[in-house]
């Protein structure tokens, strides 16, 4: 993963962490396919639609779905790296 992709992946991790902590703005940002979200995902090497599908589990906001543990941020970074390798 390039340094730039790592930087932008960190932005996504921060937003996920903030959403988990109850930040309404972060939750809203992770809930829809905004131009900003698409840009950050592209720079991080992550498919925005994939992130939007996974976001409720990462943030603990899905009804009837158990939230992922706190290591979800590491999982996201690893998955981004895997996607780069398989692209």
PDB file of N, CA and C in Angstrom:
ATOM      1  N   UNK A   1       0.854  -1.172   0.000  1.00  0.00           N
ATOM      2  CA  UNK A   1       0.000   0.000   0.000  1.00  0.00           C
ATOM      3  C   UNK A   1       0.899   1.233   0.000  1.00  0.00           C
ATOM      4  N   UNK A   2       0.580   2.176  -0.851  1.00  0.00           N
ATOM      5  CA  UNK A   2       1.394   3.387  -0.936  1.00  0.00           C
ATOM      6  C   UNK A   2       1.190   4.255   0.317  1.00  0.00           C
ATOM      7  N   UNK A   3       2.132   5.139   0.598  1.00  0.00           N
ATOM      8  CA  UNK A   3       1.967   6.044   1.745  1.00  0.00           C
ATOM      9  C   UNK A   3       0.689   6.886   1.630  1.00  0.00           C
ATOM     10  N   UNK A   4       0.351   7.290   0.406  1.00  0.00           N
ATOM     11  CA  UNK A   4      -0.853   8.097   0.206  1.00  0.00           C
ATOM     12  C   UNK A   4      -2.107   7.286   0.528  1.00  0.00           C
ATOM     13  N   UNK A   5      -2.146   6.037   0.072  1.00  0.00           N
ATOM     14  CA  UNK A   5      -3.298   5.183   0.352  1.00  0.00           C
ATOM     15  C   UNK A   5      -3.417   4.907   1.852  1.00  0.00           C
ATOM     16  N   UNK A   6      -2.277   4.730   2.510  1.00  0.00           N
ATOM     17  CA  UNK A   6      -2.293   4.539   3.965  1.00  0.00           C
ATOM     18  C   UNK A   6      -2.855   5.763   4.670  1.00  0.00           C
ATOM     19  N   UNK A   7      -2.466   6.949   4.203  1.00  0.00           N
ATOM     20  CA  UNK A   7      -2.976   8.191   4.781  1.00  0.00           C
ATOM     21  C   UNK A   7      -4.490   8.264   4.654  1.00  0.00           C
ATOM     22  N   UNK A   8      -5.002   8.019   3.455  1.00  0.00           N
ATOM     23  CA  UNK A   8      -6.445   8.120   3.238  1.00  0.00           C
ATOM     24  C   UNK A   8      -7.201   6.989   3.920  1.00  0.00           C
ATOM     25  N   UNK A   9      -6.571   5.815   4.063  1.00  0.00           N
ATOM     26  CA  UNK A   9      -7.184   4.741   4.854  1.00  0.00           C
ATOM     27  C   UNK A   9      -7.311   5.181   6.304  1.00  0.00           C
ATOM     28  N   UNK A  10      -6.334   5.930   6.783  1.00  0.00           N
ATOM     29  CA  UNK A  10      -6.390   6.449   8.152  1.00  0.00           C
ATOM     30  C   UNK A  10      -7.559   7.404   8.335  1.00  0.00           C
ATOM     31  N   UNK A  11      -7.851   8.186   7.313  1.00  0.00           N
ATOM     32  CA  UNK A  11      -9.014   9.084   7.376  1.00  0.00           C
ATOM     33  C   UNK A  11     -10.282   8.264   7.563  1.00  0.00           C
ATOM     34  N   UNK A  12     -10.400   7.165   6.808  1.00  0.00           N
ATOM     35  CA  UNK A  12     -11.573   6.302   6.942  1.00  0.00           C
ATOM     36  C   UNK A  12     -11.638   5.668   8.333  1.00  0.00           C
ATOM     37  N   UNK A  13     -10.505   5.240   8.838  1.00  0.00           N
ATOM     38  CA  UNK A  13     -10.463   4.637  10.174  1.00  0.00           C
ATOM     39  C   UNK A  13     -10.909   5.645  11.229  1.00  0.00           C
ATOM     40  N   UNK A  14     -10.466   6.878  11.110  1.00  0.00           N
ATOM     41  CA  UNK A  14     -10.865   7.921  12.062  1.00  0.00           C
ATOM     42  C   UNK A  14     -12.368   8.157  12.000  1.00  0.00           C
ATOM     43  N   UNK A  15     -12.925   8.200  10.792  1.00  0.00           N
ATOM     44  CA  UNK A  15     -14.371   8.393  10.658  1.00  0.00           C
ATOM     45  C   UNK A  15     -15.137   7.228  11.268  1.00  0.00           C
ATOM     46  N   UNK A  16     -14.655   6.007  11.040  1.00  0.00           N
ATOM     47  CA  UNK A  16     -15.316   4.831  11.620  1.00  0.00           C
ATOM     48  C   UNK A  16     -15.234   4.883  13.140  1.00  0.00           C
ATOM     49  N   UNK A  17     -14.083   5.219  13.664  1.00  0.00           N
ATOM     50  CA  UNK A  17     -13.911   5.319  15.117  1.00  0.00           C
ATOM     51  C   UNK A  17     -14.839   6.391  15.695  1.00  0.00           C
ATOM     52  N   UNK A  18     -14.902   7.542  15.029  1.00  0.00           N
ATOM     53  CA  UNK A  18     -15.783   8.613  15.501  1.00  0.00           C
ATOM     54  C   UNK A  18     -17.248   8.179  15.460  1.00  0.00           C
ATOM     55  N   UNK A  19     -17.636   7.475  14.397  1.00  0.00           N
ATOM     56  CA  UNK A  19     -19.019   6.993  14.292  1.00  0.00           C
ATOM     57  C   UNK A  19     -19.332   6.004  15.402  1.00  0.00           C
ATOM     58  N   UNK A  20     -18.373   5.143  15.730  1.00  0.00           N
ATOM     59  CA  UNK A  20     -18.567   4.186  16.819  1.00  0.00           C
ATOM     60  C   UNK A  20     -18.758   4.898  18.148  1.00  0.00           C
ATOM     61  N   UNK A  21     -18.145   6.047  18.281  1.00  0.00           N
ATOM     62  CA  UNK A  21     -18.237   6.816  19.532  1.00  0.00           C
ATOM     63  C   UNK A  21     -19.479   7.697  19.578  1.00  0.00           C
ATOM     64  N   UNK A  22     -20.298   7.643  18.528  1.00  0.00           N
ATOM     65  CA  UNK A  22     -21.562   8.377  18.531  1.00  0.00           C
ATOM     66  C   UNK A  22     -21.555   9.693  17.795  1.00  0.00           C
ATOM     67  N   UNK A  23     -20.503  10.011  17.075  1.00  0.00           N
ATOM     68  CA  UNK A  23     -20.434  11.265  16.329  1.00  0.00           C
ATOM     69  C   UNK A  23     -21.443  11.224  15.173  1.00  0.00           C
ATOM     70  N   UNK A  24     -22.459  12.074  15.261  1.00  0.00           N
ATOM     71  CA  UNK A  24     -23.526  12.071  14.262  1.00  0.00           C
ATOM     72  C   UNK A  24     -23.019  12.432  12.869  1.00  0.00           C
ATOM     73  N   UNK A  25     -22.076  13.350  12.791  1.00  0.00           N
ATOM     74  CA  UNK A  25     -21.540  13.758  11.485  1.00  0.00           C
ATOM     75  C   UNK A  25     -20.786  12.593  10.831  1.00  0.00           C
ATOM     76  N   UNK A  26     -20.011  11.870  11.601  1.00  0.00           N
ATOM     77  CA  UNK A  26     -19.275  10.720  11.057  1.00  0.00           C
ATOM     78  C   UNK A  26     -20.242   9.627  10.616  1.00  0.00           C
ATOM     79  N   UNK A  27     -21.272   9.386  11.412  1.00  0.00           N
ATOM     80  CA  UNK A  27     -22.273   8.380  11.035  1.00  0.00           C
ATOM     81  C   UNK A  27     -22.973   8.764   9.735  1.00  0.00           C
ATOM     82  N   UNK A  28     -23.321  10.023   9.621  1.00  0.00           N
ATOM     83  CA  UNK A  28     -23.986  10.485   8.399  1.00  0.00           C
ATOM     84  C   UNK A  28     -23.063  10.357   7.192  1.00  0.00           C
ATOM     85  N   UNK A  29     -21.789  10.665   7.376  1.00  0.00           N
ATOM     86  CA  UNK A  29     -20.820  10.588   6.275  1.00  0.00           C
ATOM     87  C   UNK A  29     -20.666   9.156   5.790  1.00  0.00           C
ATOM     88  N   UNK A  30     -20.750   8.194   6.719  1.00  0.00           N
ATOM     89  CA  UNK A  30     -20.602   6.782   6.371  1.00  0.00           C
ATOM     90  C   UNK A  30     -21.914   6.134   5.930  1.00  0.00           C
ATOM     91  N   UNK A  31     -22.973   6.908   5.890  1.00  0.00           N
ATOM     92  CA  UNK A  31     -24.290   6.344   5.572  1.00  0.00           C
ATOM     93  C   UNK A  31     -24.727   6.582   4.135  1.00  0.00           C
ATOM     94  N   UNK A  32     -24.016   7.441   3.411  1.00  0.00           N
ATOM     95  CA  UNK A  32     -24.442   7.692   2.029  1.00  0.00           C
ATOM     96  C   UNK A  32     -23.230   7.890   1.124  1.00  0.00           C
ATOM     97  N   UNK A  33     -23.461   7.697  -0.153  1.00  0.00           N
ATOM     98  CA  UNK A  33     -22.385   7.756  -1.158  1.00  0.00           C
ATOM     99  C   UNK A  33     -22.185   9.210  -1.607  1.00  0.00           C
ATOM    100  N   UNK A  34     -21.549   9.989  -0.747  1.00  0.00           N
ATOM    101  CA  UNK A  34     -21.294  11.395  -1.074  1.00  0.00           C
ATOM    102  C   UNK A  34     -20.044  11.504  -1.943  1.00  0.00           C
ATOM    103  N   UNK A  35     -19.905  12.621  -2.672  1.00  0.00           N
ATOM    104  CA  UNK A  35     -18.680  12.818  -3.464  1.00  0.00           C
ATOM    105  C   UNK A  35     -17.410  12.765  -2.614  1.00  0.00           C
ATOM    106  N   UNK A  36     -17.469  13.299  -1.403  1.00  0.00           N
ATOM    107  CA  UNK A  36     -16.297  13.266  -0.518  1.00  0.00           C
ATOM    108  C   UNK A  36     -15.934  11.835  -0.135  1.00  0.00           C
ATOM    109  N   UNK A  37     -16.936  11.043   0.202  1.00  0.00           N
ATOM    110  CA  UNK A  37     -16.683   9.653   0.567  1.00  0.00           C
ATOM    111  C   UNK A  37     -16.086   8.889  -0.612  1.00  0.00           C
ATOM    112  N   UNK A  38     -16.636   9.106  -1.796  1.00  0.00           N
ATOM    113  CA  UNK A  38     -16.133   8.431  -2.991  1.00  0.00           C
ATOM    114  C   UNK A  38     -14.674   8.810  -3.245  1.00  0.00           C
ATOM    115  N   UNK A  39     -14.344  10.081  -3.093  1.00  0.00           N
ATOM    116  CA  UNK A  39     -12.971  10.545  -3.313  1.00  0.00           C
ATOM    117  C   UNK A  39     -12.007   9.941  -2.304  1.00  0.00           C
ATOM    118  N   UNK A  40     -12.373   9.976  -1.025  1.00  0.00           N
ATOM    119  CA  UNK A  40     -11.493   9.427   0.008  1.00  0.00           C
ATOM    120  C   UNK A  40     -11.299   7.929  -0.214  1.00  0.00           C
ATOM    121  N   UNK A  41     -12.372   7.220  -0.536  1.00  0.00           N
ATOM    122  CA  UNK A  41     -12.257   5.783  -0.805  1.00  0.00           C
ATOM    123  C   UNK A  41     -11.348   5.524  -2.005  1.00  0.00           C
ATOM    124  N   UNK A  42     -11.494   6.297  -3.052  1.00  0.00           N
ATOM    125  CA  UNK A  42     -10.645   6.114  -4.239  1.00  0.00           C
ATOM    126  C   UNK A  42      -9.181   6.325  -3.882  1.00  0.00           C
ATOM    127  N   UNK A  43      -8.902   7.353  -3.098  1.00  0.00           N
ATOM    128  CA  UNK A  43      -7.524   7.631  -2.702  1.00  0.00           C
ATOM    129  C   UNK A  43      -6.968   6.563  -1.754  1.00  0.00           C
ATOM    130  N   UNK A  44      -7.863   5.915  -1.007  1.00  0.00           N
ATOM    131  CA  UNK A  44      -7.448   4.842  -0.093  1.00  0.00           C
ATOM    132  C   UNK A  44      -7.408   3.482  -0.787  1.00  0.00           C
ATOM    133  N   UNK A  45      -7.940   3.420  -2.007  1.00  0.00           N
ATOM    134  CA  UNK A  45      -7.961   2.150  -2.723  1.00  0.00           C
ATOM    135  C   UNK A  45      -9.063   1.223  -2.258  1.00  0.00           C
ATOM    136  N   UNK A  46     -10.167   1.799  -1.777  1.00  0.00           N
ATOM    137  CA  UNK A  46     -11.286   1.022  -1.253  1.00  0.00           C
ATOM    138  C   UNK A  46     -12.538   1.348  -2.061  1.00  0.00           C
ATOM    139  N   UNK A  47     -13.295   0.320  -2.386  1.00  0.00           N
ATOM    140  CA  UNK A  47     -14.556   0.501  -3.104  1.00  0.00           C
ATOM    141  C   UNK A  47     -15.568   1.154  -2.162  1.00  0.00           C
ATOM    142  N   UNK A  48     -16.103   2.333  -2.512  1.00  0.00           N
ATOM    143  CA  UNK A  48     -17.025   3.017  -1.603  1.00  0.00           C
ATOM    144  C   UNK A  48     -18.303   2.228  -1.347  1.00  0.00           C
ATOM    145  N   UNK A  49     -18.785   1.487  -2.333  1.00  0.00           N
ATOM    146  CA  UNK A  49     -19.999   0.698  -2.130  1.00  0.00           C
ATOM    147  C   UNK A  49     -19.759  -0.425  -1.126  1.00  0.00           C
ATOM    148  N   UNK A  50     -18.576  -1.018  -1.193  1.00  0.00           N
ATOM    149  CA  UNK A  50     -18.195  -2.048  -0.228  1.00  0.00           C
ATOM    150  C   UNK A  50     -18.150  -1.452   1.174  1.00  0.00           C
ATOM    151  N   UNK A  51     -17.541  -0.281   1.311  1.00  0.00           N
ATOM    152  CA  UNK A  51     -17.462   0.373   2.620  1.00  0.00           C
ATOM    153  C   UNK A  51     -18.851   0.705   3.143  1.00  0.00           C
ATOM    154  N   UNK A  52     -19.717   1.208   2.285  1.00  0.00           N
ATOM    155  CA  UNK A  52     -21.068   1.556   2.723  1.00  0.00           C
ATOM    156  C   UNK A  52     -21.848   0.326   3.176  1.00  0.00           C
ATOM    157  N   UNK A  53     -21.613  -0.815   2.537  1.00  0.00           N
ATOM    158  CA  UNK A  53     -22.278  -2.050   2.976  1.00  0.00           C
ATOM    159  C   UNK A  53     -21.724  -2.519   4.326  1.00  0.00           C
ATOM    160  N   UNK A  54     -20.432  -2.321   4.543  1.00  0.00           N
ATOM    161  CA  UNK A  54     -19.784  -2.788   5.761  1.00  0.00           C
ATOM    162  C   UNK A  54     -19.910  -1.794   6.918  1.00  0.00           C
ATOM    163  N   UNK A  55     -20.115  -0.539   6.632  1.00  0.00           N
ATOM    164  CA  UNK A  55     -20.108   0.514   7.662  1.00  0.00           C
ATOM    165  C   UNK A  55     -21.039   0.245   8.840  1.00  0.00           C
ATOM    166  N   UNK A  56     -22.266  -0.222   8.625  1.00  0.00           N
ATOM    167  CA  UNK A  56     -23.117  -0.470   9.803  1.00  0.00           C
ATOM    168  C   UNK A  56     -22.516  -1.476  10.777  1.00  0.00           C
ATOM    169  N   UNK A  57     -21.840  -2.482  10.283  1.00  0.00           N
ATOM    170  CA  UNK A  57     -21.194  -3.455  11.186  1.00  0.00           C
ATOM    171  C   UNK A  57     -19.962  -2.852  11.838  1.00  0.00           C
ATOM    172  N   UNK A  58     -19.220  -2.035  11.093  1.00  0.00           N
ATOM    173  CA  UNK A  58     -18.022  -1.415  11.661  1.00  0.00           C
ATOM    174  C   UNK A  58     -18.372  -0.424  12.756  1.00  0.00           C
ATOM    175  N   UNK A  59     -19.508   0.244  12.615  1.00  0.00           N
ATOM    176  CA  UNK A  59     -19.883   1.280  13.576  1.00  0.00           C
ATOM    177  C   UNK A  59     -20.871   0.790  14.624  1.00  0.00           C
ATOM    178  N   UNK A  60     -21.340  -0.454  14.490  1.00  0.00           N
ATOM    179  CA  UNK A  60     -22.285  -0.993  15.456  1.00  0.00           C
ATOM    180  C   UNK A  60     -23.686  -0.453  15.290  1.00  0.00           C
ATOM    181  N   UNK A  61     -24.037  -0.012  14.092  1.00  0.00           N
ATOM    182  CA  UNK A  61     -25.332   0.619  13.868  1.00  0.00           C
ATOM    183  C   UNK A  61     -26.333  -0.270  13.130  1.00  0.00           C
ATOM    184  N   UNK A  62     -25.957  -1.469  12.765  1.00  0.00           N
ATOM    185  CA  UNK A  62     -26.876  -2.338  12.035  1.00  0.00           C
ATOM    186  C   UNK A  62     -27.854  -2.986  13.009  1.00  0.00           C
ATOM    187  N   UNK A  63     -29.125  -3.005  12.652  1.00  0.00           N
ATOM    188  CA  UNK A  63     -30.128  -3.644  13.486  1.00  0.00           C
ATOM    189  C   UNK A  63     -29.984  -5.152  13.383  1.00  0.00           C
ATOM    190  N   UNK A  64     -29.895  -5.801  14.506  1.00  0.00           N
ATOM    191  CA  UNK A  64     -29.815  -7.249  14.528  1.00  0.00           C
ATOM    192  C   UNK A  64     -28.479  -7.812  14.089  1.00  0.00           C
ATOM    193  N   UNK A  65     -27.494  -6.974  13.915  1.00  0.00           N
ATOM    194  CA  UNK A  65     -26.168  -7.439  13.504  1.00  0.00           C
ATOM    195  C   UNK A  65     -25.173  -7.035  14.581  1.00  0.00           C
ATOM    196  N   UNK A  66     -24.411  -7.991  15.039  1.00  0.00           N
ATOM    197  CA  UNK A  66     -23.412  -7.714  16.071  1.00  0.00           C
ATOM    198  C   UNK A  66     -22.299  -6.862  15.479  1.00  0.00           C
ATOM    199  N   UNK A  67     -21.926  -5.831  16.202  1.00  0.00           N
ATOM    200  CA  UNK A  67     -20.837  -4.964  15.747  1.00  0.00           C
ATOM    201  C   UNK A  67     -19.518  -5.722  15.790  1.00  0.00           C
ATOM    202  N   UNK A  68     -18.617  -5.339  14.934  1.00  0.00           N
ATOM    203  CA  UNK A  68     -17.281  -5.926  14.948  1.00  0.00           C
ATOM    204  C   UNK A  68     -16.521  -5.400  16.157  1.00  0.00           C
ATOM    205  N   UNK A  69     -15.542  -6.146  16.598  1.00  0.00           N
ATOM    206  CA  UNK A  69     -14.768  -5.729  17.761  1.00  0.00           C
ATOM    207  C   UNK A  69     -13.894  -4.515  17.421  1.00  0.00           C
ATOM    208  N   UNK A  70     -13.246  -3.930  18.426  1.00  0.00           N
ATOM    209  CA  UNK A  70     -12.443  -2.719  18.187  1.00  0.00           C
ATOM    210  C   UNK A  70     -11.323  -2.879  17.174  1.00  0.00           C
ATOM    211  N   UNK A  71     -10.951  -4.112  16.852  1.00  0.00           N
ATOM    212  CA  UNK A  71      -9.895  -4.300  15.867  1.00  0.00           C
ATOM    213  C   UNK A  71     -10.423  -4.141  14.444  1.00  0.00           C
ATOM    214  N   UNK A  72     -11.652  -3.682  14.292  1.00  0.00           N
ATOM    215  CA  UNK A  72     -12.241  -3.492  12.964  1.00  0.00           C
ATOM    216  C   UNK A  72     -11.425  -2.513  12.132  1.00  0.00           C
ATOM    217  N   UNK A  73     -10.820  -1.548  12.785  1.00  0.00           N
ATOM    218  CA  UNK A  73      -9.999  -0.591  12.052  1.00  0.00           C
ATOM    219  C   UNK A  73      -8.812  -1.290  11.384  1.00  0.00           C
ATOM    220  N   UNK A  74      -8.199  -2.223  12.113  1.00  0.00           N
ATOM    221  CA  UNK A  74      -7.085  -2.983  11.539  1.00  0.00           C
ATOM    222  C   UNK A  74      -7.572  -3.865  10.398  1.00  0.00           C
ATOM    223  N   UNK A  75      -8.755  -4.443  10.580  1.00  0.00           N
ATOM    224  CA  UNK A  75      -9.336  -5.275   9.530  1.00  0.00           C
ATOM    225  C   UNK A  75      -9.549  -4.465   8.259  1.00  0.00           C
ATOM    226  N   UNK A  76     -10.061  -3.255   8.403  1.00  0.00           N
ATOM    227  CA  UNK A  76     -10.292  -2.402   7.251  1.00  0.00           C
ATOM    228  C   UNK A  76      -8.986  -2.111   6.513  1.00  0.00           C
ATOM    229  N   UNK A  77      -7.945  -1.811   7.252  1.00  0.00           N
ATOM    230  CA  UNK A  77      -6.651  -1.537   6.626  1.00  0.00           C
ATOM    231  C   UNK A  77      -6.108  -2.778   5.923  1.00  0.00           C
ATOM    232  N   UNK A  78      -6.248  -3.932   6.538  1.00  0.00           N
ATOM    233  CA  UNK A  78      -5.777  -5.174   5.912  1.00  0.00           C
ATOM    234  C   UNK A  78      -6.572  -5.492   4.652  1.00  0.00           C
ATOM    235  N   UNK A  79      -7.892  -5.296   4.715  1.00  0.00           N
ATOM    236  CA  UNK A  79      -8.716  -5.560   3.540  1.00  0.00           C
ATOM    237  C   UNK A  79      -8.366  -4.617   2.396  1.00  0.00           C
ATOM    238  N   UNK A  80      -8.081  -3.378   2.728  1.00  0.00           N
ATOM    239  CA  UNK A  80      -7.671  -2.426   1.690  1.00  0.00           C
ATOM    240  C   UNK A  80      -6.367  -2.882   1.037  1.00  0.00           C
ATOM    241  N   UNK A  81      -5.438  -3.366   1.849  1.00  0.00           N
ATOM    242  CA  UNK A  81      -4.176  -3.850   1.299  1.00  0.00           C
ATOM    243  C   UNK A  81      -4.395  -5.071   0.420  1.00  0.00           C
ATOM    244  N   UNK A  82      -5.267  -5.965   0.849  1.00  0.00           N
ATOM    245  CA  UNK A  82      -5.582  -7.148   0.042  1.00  0.00           C
ATOM    246  C   UNK A  82      -6.219  -6.751  -1.288  1.00  0.00           C
ATOM    247  N   UNK A  83      -7.125  -5.788  -1.247  1.00  0.00           N
ATOM    248  CA  UNK A  83      -7.770  -5.341  -2.486  1.00  0.00           C
ATOM    249  C   UNK A  83      -6.735  -4.776  -3.451  1.00  0.00           C
ATOM    250  N   UNK A  84      -5.739  -4.084  -2.927  1.00  0.00           N
ATOM    251  CA  UNK A  84      -4.680  -3.548  -3.782  1.00  0.00           C
ATOM    252  C   UNK A  84      -3.884  -4.675  -4.441  1.00  0.00           C
ATOM    253  N   UNK A  85      -3.615  -5.707  -3.667  1.00  0.00           N
ATOM    254  CA  UNK A  85      -2.831  -6.826  -4.192  1.00  0.00           C
ATOM    255  C   UNK A  85      -3.576  -7.616  -5.257  1.00  0.00           C
ATOM    256  N   UNK A  86      -4.900  -7.686  -5.119  1.00  0.00           N
ATOM    257  CA  UNK A  86      -5.684  -8.479  -6.059  1.00  0.00           C
ATOM    258  C   UNK A  86      -6.216  -7.664  -7.224  1.00  0.00           C
ATOM    259  N   UNK A  87      -5.993  -6.373  -7.204  1.00  0.00           N
ATOM    260  CA  UNK A  87      -6.516  -5.506  -8.280  1.00  0.00           C
ATOM    261  C   UNK A  87      -5.682  -5.625  -9.537  1.00  0.00           C
TER     262      UNK A  87
END
